[in-house]
Amino acid sequence: MKRVMFVCKKNSARSQMAEGFANQLGAGKIEVVSSGLEASHVRPEAIATMKDAGIDITHQTSNALSEFSPEDFDAVISLCGCGVNLPPEWVTRDVFEDWQLDDPAEQPDIFPQVRDQIKERVTRLIETLEAAPVG
């Protein structure tokens, strides 16, 4: 089973929403974790907007990327354009993508729009990973 790391600046909104969608849409297909360049907390707006989409992320926690080992992951997805700030061993995984999504923490009214963009991209990512040979 492919292991995916979603990473963002603070692991408070975008990466948390991606983890929530990936856990639901990729159940039994991929294993998912999210983290941030630094840990903080899961934003209440992220929890609320995901609840509107039928996904409960209240149990998710904010973790620092430094708590994890890059060798444990097949795919690393940056959601904030922070790929340039990641240690090289994270960007050289089998799959690395930098989605560069707007930060809803800075504009709370765009939470639903960013959530929907994340769902679309997570769906495509799962399809891509399923099609790739397990190595």
N, C-alpha and C. Protein backbone atom coordinates (compact mmCIF):
# COMPACT_ATOMS: atom_id res chain seq x y z
N MET A 1 0.84 -1.18 0.00
CA MET A 1 0.00 0.00 0.00
C MET A 1 0.89 1.25 0.00
N LYS A 2 0.56 2.20 -0.85
CA LYS A 2 1.35 3.44 -0.94
C LYS A 2 1.11 4.32 0.29
N ARG A 3 2.18 4.96 0.76
CA ARG A 3 2.07 5.87 1.90
C ARG A 3 2.28 7.30 1.42
N VAL A 4 1.37 8.19 1.83
CA VAL A 4 1.35 9.57 1.36
C VAL A 4 1.51 10.53 2.54
N MET A 5 2.37 11.54 2.35
CA MET A 5 2.55 12.62 3.32
C MET A 5 2.05 13.91 2.67
N PHE A 6 1.06 14.55 3.30
CA PHE A 6 0.63 15.88 2.89
C PHE A 6 1.32 16.86 3.83
N VAL A 7 2.00 17.85 3.27
CA VAL A 7 2.73 18.80 4.12
C VAL A 7 2.38 20.23 3.75
N CYS A 8 2.32 21.07 4.76
CA CYS A 8 1.98 22.47 4.61
C CYS A 8 2.82 23.27 5.62
N LYS A 9 2.60 24.55 5.70
CA LYS A 9 3.40 25.36 6.62
C LYS A 9 3.15 24.98 8.08
N LYS A 10 1.87 24.97 8.49
CA LYS A 10 1.57 24.74 9.91
C LYS A 10 0.69 23.53 10.18
N ASN A 11 0.34 22.77 9.15
CA ASN A 11 -0.50 21.58 9.33
C ASN A 11 -1.78 21.94 10.09
N SER A 12 -2.41 23.04 9.65
CA SER A 12 -3.61 23.49 10.36
C SER A 12 -4.86 23.51 9.49
N ALA A 13 -4.71 23.57 8.16
CA ALA A 13 -5.90 23.70 7.31
C ALA A 13 -5.79 22.83 6.05
N ARG A 14 -5.01 23.28 5.05
CA ARG A 14 -4.98 22.57 3.77
C ARG A 14 -4.53 21.12 3.91
N SER A 15 -3.42 20.89 4.58
CA SER A 15 -2.92 19.52 4.72
C SER A 15 -3.88 18.67 5.55
N GLN A 16 -4.56 19.29 6.51
CA GLN A 16 -5.54 18.56 7.32
C GLN A 16 -6.74 18.15 6.46
N MET A 17 -7.20 19.05 5.61
CA MET A 17 -8.33 18.72 4.73
C MET A 17 -7.92 17.62 3.75
N ALA A 18 -6.70 17.70 3.22
CA ALA A 18 -6.21 16.67 2.30
C ALA A 18 -6.15 15.31 3.00
N GLU A 19 -5.67 15.30 4.24
CA GLU A 19 -5.61 14.05 5.00
C GLU A 19 -7.02 13.48 5.17
N GLY A 20 -7.97 14.34 5.50
CA GLY A 20 -9.34 13.89 5.68
C GLY A 20 -9.94 13.27 4.43
N PHE A 21 -9.77 13.96 3.28
CA PHE A 21 -10.28 13.42 2.02
C PHE A 21 -9.57 12.12 1.65
N ALA A 22 -8.24 12.10 1.80
CA ALA A 22 -7.47 10.91 1.40
C ALA A 22 -7.83 9.71 2.27
N ASN A 23 -8.06 9.94 3.56
CA ASN A 23 -8.46 8.83 4.43
C ASN A 23 -9.81 8.26 4.00
N GLN A 24 -10.73 9.14 3.59
CA GLN A 24 -12.05 8.65 3.18
C GLN A 24 -12.01 8.06 1.77
N LEU A 25 -11.49 8.82 0.81
CA LEU A 25 -11.51 8.41 -0.59
C LEU A 25 -10.51 7.29 -0.89
N GLY A 26 -9.43 7.24 -0.11
CA GLY A 26 -8.38 6.25 -0.35
C GLY A 26 -8.37 5.10 0.63
N ALA A 27 -9.45 4.96 1.41
CA ALA A 27 -9.52 3.89 2.41
C ALA A 27 -9.23 2.53 1.77
N GLY A 28 -8.26 1.82 2.33
CA GLY A 28 -7.90 0.51 1.81
C GLY A 28 -6.98 0.57 0.61
N LYS A 29 -6.69 1.78 0.11
CA LYS A 29 -5.85 1.94 -1.08
C LYS A 29 -4.51 2.60 -0.75
N ILE A 30 -4.55 3.60 0.15
CA ILE A 30 -3.34 4.33 0.54
C ILE A 30 -3.37 4.57 2.04
N GLU A 31 -2.18 4.80 2.61
CA GLU A 31 -2.07 5.22 4.00
C GLU A 31 -1.66 6.69 3.97
N VAL A 32 -2.22 7.49 4.87
CA VAL A 32 -2.05 8.94 4.79
C VAL A 32 -1.66 9.54 6.13
N VAL A 33 -0.76 10.52 6.06
CA VAL A 33 -0.36 11.32 7.22
C VAL A 33 -0.22 12.75 6.73
N SER A 34 -0.44 13.72 7.63
CA SER A 34 -0.15 15.11 7.25
C SER A 34 0.75 15.72 8.31
N SER A 35 1.48 16.75 7.90
CA SER A 35 2.38 17.43 8.81
C SER A 35 2.61 18.86 8.31
N GLY A 36 3.34 19.60 9.11
CA GLY A 36 3.69 20.97 8.74
C GLY A 36 5.16 21.22 8.94
N LEU A 37 5.66 22.28 8.32
CA LEU A 37 7.05 22.67 8.58
C LEU A 37 7.20 22.94 10.07
N GLU A 38 6.10 23.37 10.69
CA GLU A 38 6.00 23.46 12.15
C GLU A 38 4.59 23.01 12.52
N ALA A 39 4.44 22.48 13.72
CA ALA A 39 3.12 22.04 14.18
C ALA A 39 2.37 23.22 14.79
N SER A 40 1.05 23.17 14.74
CA SER A 40 0.24 24.21 15.38
C SER A 40 -1.02 23.54 15.93
N HIS A 41 -2.17 23.78 15.31
CA HIS A 41 -3.43 23.16 15.71
C HIS A 41 -4.33 23.09 14.47
N VAL A 42 -5.31 22.22 14.51
CA VAL A 42 -6.25 22.12 13.40
C VAL A 42 -7.25 23.27 13.54
N ARG A 43 -7.32 24.07 12.50
CA ARG A 43 -8.19 25.26 12.54
C ARG A 43 -9.66 24.85 12.60
N PRO A 44 -10.44 25.53 13.45
CA PRO A 44 -11.88 25.21 13.54
C PRO A 44 -12.60 25.39 12.21
N GLU A 45 -12.13 26.33 11.38
CA GLU A 45 -12.75 26.53 10.06
C GLU A 45 -12.53 25.31 9.16
N ALA A 46 -11.36 24.68 9.28
CA ALA A 46 -11.08 23.47 8.49
C ALA A 46 -12.01 22.34 8.94
N ILE A 47 -12.16 22.20 10.26
CA ILE A 47 -13.05 21.17 10.79
C ILE A 47 -14.48 21.41 10.31
N ALA A 48 -14.95 22.67 10.37
CA ALA A 48 -16.32 23.00 9.98
C ALA A 48 -16.55 22.79 8.48
N THR A 49 -15.62 23.22 7.65
CA THR A 49 -15.82 23.10 6.20
C THR A 49 -15.76 21.64 5.75
N MET A 50 -14.96 20.83 6.45
CA MET A 50 -14.93 19.40 6.12
C MET A 50 -16.21 18.72 6.61
N LYS A 51 -16.72 19.16 7.75
CA LYS A 51 -17.99 18.62 8.25
C LYS A 51 -19.09 18.87 7.23
N ASP A 52 -19.05 20.06 6.60
CA ASP A 52 -20.03 20.39 5.54
C ASP A 52 -19.93 19.42 4.37
N ALA A 53 -18.75 18.83 4.17
CA ALA A 53 -18.54 17.87 3.09
C ALA A 53 -18.75 16.43 3.57
N GLY A 54 -19.18 16.29 4.84
CA GLY A 54 -19.47 14.96 5.37
C GLY A 54 -18.27 14.22 5.92
N ILE A 55 -17.19 14.93 6.22
CA ILE A 55 -15.98 14.28 6.74
C ILE A 55 -15.61 14.90 8.08
N ASP A 56 -15.40 14.04 9.07
CA ASP A 56 -15.05 14.47 10.42
C ASP A 56 -13.53 14.40 10.59
N ILE A 57 -12.90 15.56 10.78
CA ILE A 57 -11.44 15.58 11.02
C ILE A 57 -11.12 16.04 12.44
N THR A 58 -12.10 15.99 13.33
CA THR A 58 -11.86 16.47 14.70
C THR A 58 -10.79 15.66 15.43
N HIS A 59 -10.58 14.41 15.04
CA HIS A 59 -9.59 13.55 15.70
C HIS A 59 -8.16 13.77 15.19
N GLN A 60 -8.02 14.51 14.09
CA GLN A 60 -6.68 14.72 13.51
C GLN A 60 -5.89 15.71 14.36
N THR A 61 -4.56 15.51 14.36
CA THR A 61 -3.69 16.39 15.13
C THR A 61 -2.68 17.05 14.21
N SER A 62 -2.13 18.16 14.66
CA SER A 62 -1.11 18.87 13.89
C SER A 62 0.26 18.34 14.31
N ASN A 63 1.03 17.92 13.31
CA ASN A 63 2.35 17.33 13.57
C ASN A 63 3.42 18.04 12.76
N ALA A 64 4.64 18.03 13.29
CA ALA A 64 5.78 18.61 12.58
C ALA A 64 6.38 17.57 11.64
N LEU A 65 6.80 18.01 10.47
CA LEU A 65 7.43 17.11 9.49
C LEU A 65 8.64 16.40 10.11
N SER A 66 9.34 17.08 11.00
CA SER A 66 10.54 16.50 11.62
C SER A 66 10.25 15.25 12.46
N GLU A 67 8.96 14.98 12.75
CA GLU A 67 8.59 13.79 13.51
C GLU A 67 8.59 12.53 12.64
N PHE A 68 8.75 12.72 11.32
CA PHE A 68 8.62 11.61 10.38
C PHE A 68 9.91 11.39 9.60
N SER A 69 10.01 10.21 8.98
CA SER A 69 11.16 9.86 8.16
C SER A 69 10.74 9.79 6.70
N PRO A 70 11.44 10.48 5.80
CA PRO A 70 11.02 10.49 4.39
C PRO A 70 10.99 9.10 3.76
N GLU A 71 11.85 8.20 4.22
CA GLU A 71 11.91 6.85 3.63
C GLU A 71 10.62 6.08 3.84
N ASP A 72 9.78 6.53 4.77
CA ASP A 72 8.53 5.84 5.06
C ASP A 72 7.40 6.20 4.10
N PHE A 73 7.68 7.10 3.14
CA PHE A 73 6.61 7.59 2.27
C PHE A 73 6.96 7.42 0.79
N ASP A 74 5.94 7.06 0.00
CA ASP A 74 6.09 6.93 -1.45
C ASP A 74 5.81 8.25 -2.15
N ALA A 75 4.87 9.02 -1.57
CA ALA A 75 4.45 10.28 -2.19
C ALA A 75 4.45 11.39 -1.14
N VAL A 76 4.95 12.54 -1.55
CA VAL A 76 4.94 13.73 -0.70
C VAL A 76 4.25 14.84 -1.48
N ILE A 77 3.21 15.41 -0.86
CA ILE A 77 2.45 16.46 -1.52
C ILE A 77 2.51 17.71 -0.66
N SER A 78 3.07 18.78 -1.23
CA SER A 78 3.07 20.08 -0.56
C SER A 78 1.82 20.81 -1.04
N LEU A 79 1.10 21.42 -0.11
CA LEU A 79 -0.14 22.10 -0.48
C LEU A 79 0.01 23.61 -0.50
N CYS A 80 1.20 24.11 -0.19
CA CYS A 80 1.32 25.56 0.01
C CYS A 80 2.46 26.20 -0.77
N GLY A 81 3.05 25.45 -1.68
CA GLY A 81 4.20 26.01 -2.37
C GLY A 81 5.44 25.99 -1.50
N CYS A 82 5.39 25.20 -0.41
CA CYS A 82 6.54 25.19 0.52
C CYS A 82 7.57 24.13 0.14
N GLY A 83 7.40 23.52 -1.02
CA GLY A 83 8.34 22.50 -1.46
C GLY A 83 9.78 22.97 -1.45
N VAL A 84 10.00 24.24 -1.75
CA VAL A 84 11.36 24.77 -1.76
C VAL A 84 11.96 24.80 -0.36
N ASN A 85 11.12 24.77 0.67
CA ASN A 85 11.60 24.80 2.04
C ASN A 85 11.76 23.41 2.65
N LEU A 86 11.40 22.38 1.91
CA LEU A 86 11.50 21.03 2.44
C LEU A 86 12.92 20.50 2.30
N PRO A 87 13.36 19.69 3.26
CA PRO A 87 14.67 19.04 3.12
C PRO A 87 14.67 18.20 1.83
N PRO A 88 15.80 18.14 1.13
CA PRO A 88 15.87 17.45 -0.17
C PRO A 88 15.37 16.02 -0.15
N GLU A 89 15.58 15.31 0.94
CA GLU A 89 15.15 13.90 0.98
C GLU A 89 13.63 13.75 0.90
N TRP A 90 12.89 14.83 1.16
CA TRP A 90 11.43 14.77 1.03
C TRP A 90 10.98 15.00 -0.40
N VAL A 91 11.68 15.83 -1.14
CA VAL A 91 11.24 16.14 -2.51
C VAL A 91 11.73 15.12 -3.54
N THR A 92 12.53 14.16 -3.09
CA THR A 92 13.05 13.14 -4.02
C THR A 92 12.35 11.80 -3.85
N ARG A 93 11.17 11.79 -3.24
CA ARG A 93 10.39 10.56 -3.13
C ARG A 93 9.89 10.17 -4.52
N ASP A 94 9.30 8.96 -4.65
CA ASP A 94 8.81 8.49 -5.95
C ASP A 94 7.86 9.51 -6.58
N VAL A 95 7.00 10.09 -5.76
CA VAL A 95 6.05 11.10 -6.24
C VAL A 95 6.22 12.33 -5.36
N PHE A 96 6.43 13.49 -6.00
CA PHE A 96 6.44 14.75 -5.27
C PHE A 96 5.64 15.76 -6.09
N GLU A 97 4.68 16.40 -5.44
CA GLU A 97 3.89 17.44 -6.11
C GLU A 97 3.78 18.63 -5.18
N ASP A 98 3.77 19.82 -5.76
CA ASP A 98 3.62 21.06 -5.00
C ASP A 98 2.37 21.74 -5.55
N TRP A 99 1.26 21.63 -4.82
CA TRP A 99 -0.03 22.08 -5.33
C TRP A 99 -0.24 23.58 -5.24
N GLN A 100 0.46 24.28 -4.38
CA GLN A 100 0.40 25.75 -4.28
C GLN A 100 -1.03 26.29 -4.21
N LEU A 101 -1.78 25.82 -3.24
CA LEU A 101 -3.15 26.29 -3.04
C LEU A 101 -3.17 27.52 -2.14
N ASP A 102 -4.14 28.41 -2.37
CA ASP A 102 -4.29 29.59 -1.52
C ASP A 102 -4.50 29.18 -0.07
N ASP A 103 -4.02 30.01 0.85
CA ASP A 103 -4.14 29.72 2.27
C ASP A 103 -5.47 30.25 2.80
N PRO A 104 -6.42 29.36 3.13
CA PRO A 104 -7.70 29.83 3.63
C PRO A 104 -7.59 30.45 5.03
N ALA A 105 -6.53 30.16 5.75
CA ALA A 105 -6.35 30.76 7.08
C ALA A 105 -6.24 32.28 6.96
N GLU A 106 -5.73 32.74 5.81
CA GLU A 106 -5.58 34.17 5.59
C GLU A 106 -6.85 34.79 5.00
N GLN A 107 -7.71 33.95 4.42
CA GLN A 107 -8.98 34.40 3.83
C GLN A 107 -10.05 33.35 4.14
N PRO A 108 -10.59 33.35 5.37
CA PRO A 108 -11.51 32.28 5.78
C PRO A 108 -12.70 32.05 4.85
N ASP A 109 -13.11 33.06 4.10
CA ASP A 109 -14.25 32.88 3.20
C ASP A 109 -13.94 31.94 2.03
N ILE A 110 -12.67 31.63 1.77
CA ILE A 110 -12.35 30.72 0.66
C ILE A 110 -12.18 29.27 1.12
N PHE A 111 -12.42 28.98 2.40
CA PHE A 111 -12.30 27.60 2.88
C PHE A 111 -13.05 26.60 1.99
N PRO A 112 -14.35 26.83 1.67
CA PRO A 112 -15.06 25.85 0.84
C PRO A 112 -14.44 25.67 -0.54
N GLN A 113 -13.99 26.76 -1.15
CA GLN A 113 -13.37 26.70 -2.48
C GLN A 113 -12.06 25.89 -2.42
N VAL A 114 -11.22 26.15 -1.44
CA VAL A 114 -9.96 25.42 -1.30
C VAL A 114 -10.24 23.95 -0.98
N ARG A 115 -11.22 23.71 -0.13
CA ARG A 115 -11.60 22.32 0.20
C ARG A 115 -11.96 21.55 -1.06
N ASP A 116 -12.76 22.17 -1.93
CA ASP A 116 -13.19 21.49 -3.16
C ASP A 116 -12.01 21.25 -4.11
N GLN A 117 -11.06 22.19 -4.17
CA GLN A 117 -9.85 22.00 -4.99
C GLN A 117 -9.04 20.83 -4.45
N ILE A 118 -8.95 20.76 -3.14
CA ILE A 118 -8.19 19.66 -2.51
C ILE A 118 -8.85 18.32 -2.82
N LYS A 119 -10.16 18.25 -2.70
CA LYS A 119 -10.87 16.99 -2.97
C LYS A 119 -10.58 16.51 -4.40
N GLU A 120 -10.66 17.44 -5.35
CA GLU A 120 -10.40 17.12 -6.76
C GLU A 120 -8.99 16.56 -6.93
N ARG A 121 -8.01 17.22 -6.33
CA ARG A 121 -6.61 16.81 -6.50
C ARG A 121 -6.32 15.50 -5.76
N VAL A 122 -6.90 15.32 -4.59
CA VAL A 122 -6.71 14.07 -3.85
C VAL A 122 -7.29 12.91 -4.65
N THR A 123 -8.46 13.11 -5.25
CA THR A 123 -9.08 12.07 -6.07
C THR A 123 -8.14 11.66 -7.21
N ARG A 124 -7.56 12.66 -7.90
CA ARG A 124 -6.62 12.37 -9.00
C ARG A 124 -5.36 11.68 -8.48
N LEU A 125 -4.86 12.12 -7.33
CA LEU A 125 -3.66 11.52 -6.76
C LEU A 125 -3.88 10.03 -6.46
N ILE A 126 -5.01 9.71 -5.86
CA ILE A 126 -5.32 8.32 -5.53
C ILE A 126 -5.36 7.48 -6.80
N GLU A 127 -6.00 8.00 -7.86
CA GLU A 127 -6.06 7.28 -9.14
C GLU A 127 -4.66 7.05 -9.70
N THR A 128 -3.81 8.07 -9.62
CA THR A 128 -2.44 7.97 -10.11
C THR A 128 -1.65 6.91 -9.33
N LEU A 129 -1.76 6.97 -8.01
CA LEU A 129 -1.03 6.02 -7.17
C LEU A 129 -1.50 4.59 -7.36
N GLU A 130 -2.80 4.42 -7.58
CA GLU A 130 -3.34 3.08 -7.82
C GLU A 130 -2.81 2.49 -9.12
N ALA A 131 -2.60 3.36 -10.11
CA ALA A 131 -2.13 2.91 -11.42
C ALA A 131 -0.63 2.61 -11.41
N ALA A 132 0.09 3.21 -10.46
CA ALA A 132 1.55 3.03 -10.41
C ALA A 132 1.89 1.67 -9.79
N PRO A 133 2.94 1.04 -10.31
CA PRO A 133 3.35 -0.24 -9.72
C PRO A 133 3.89 -0.03 -8.29
N VAL A 134 3.61 -0.97 -7.43
CA VAL A 134 4.14 -0.90 -6.06
C VAL A 134 5.60 -1.34 -6.12
N GLY A 135 6.49 -0.48 -5.62
CA GLY A 135 7.90 -0.82 -5.75
C GLY A 135 8.57 -0.81 -4.46
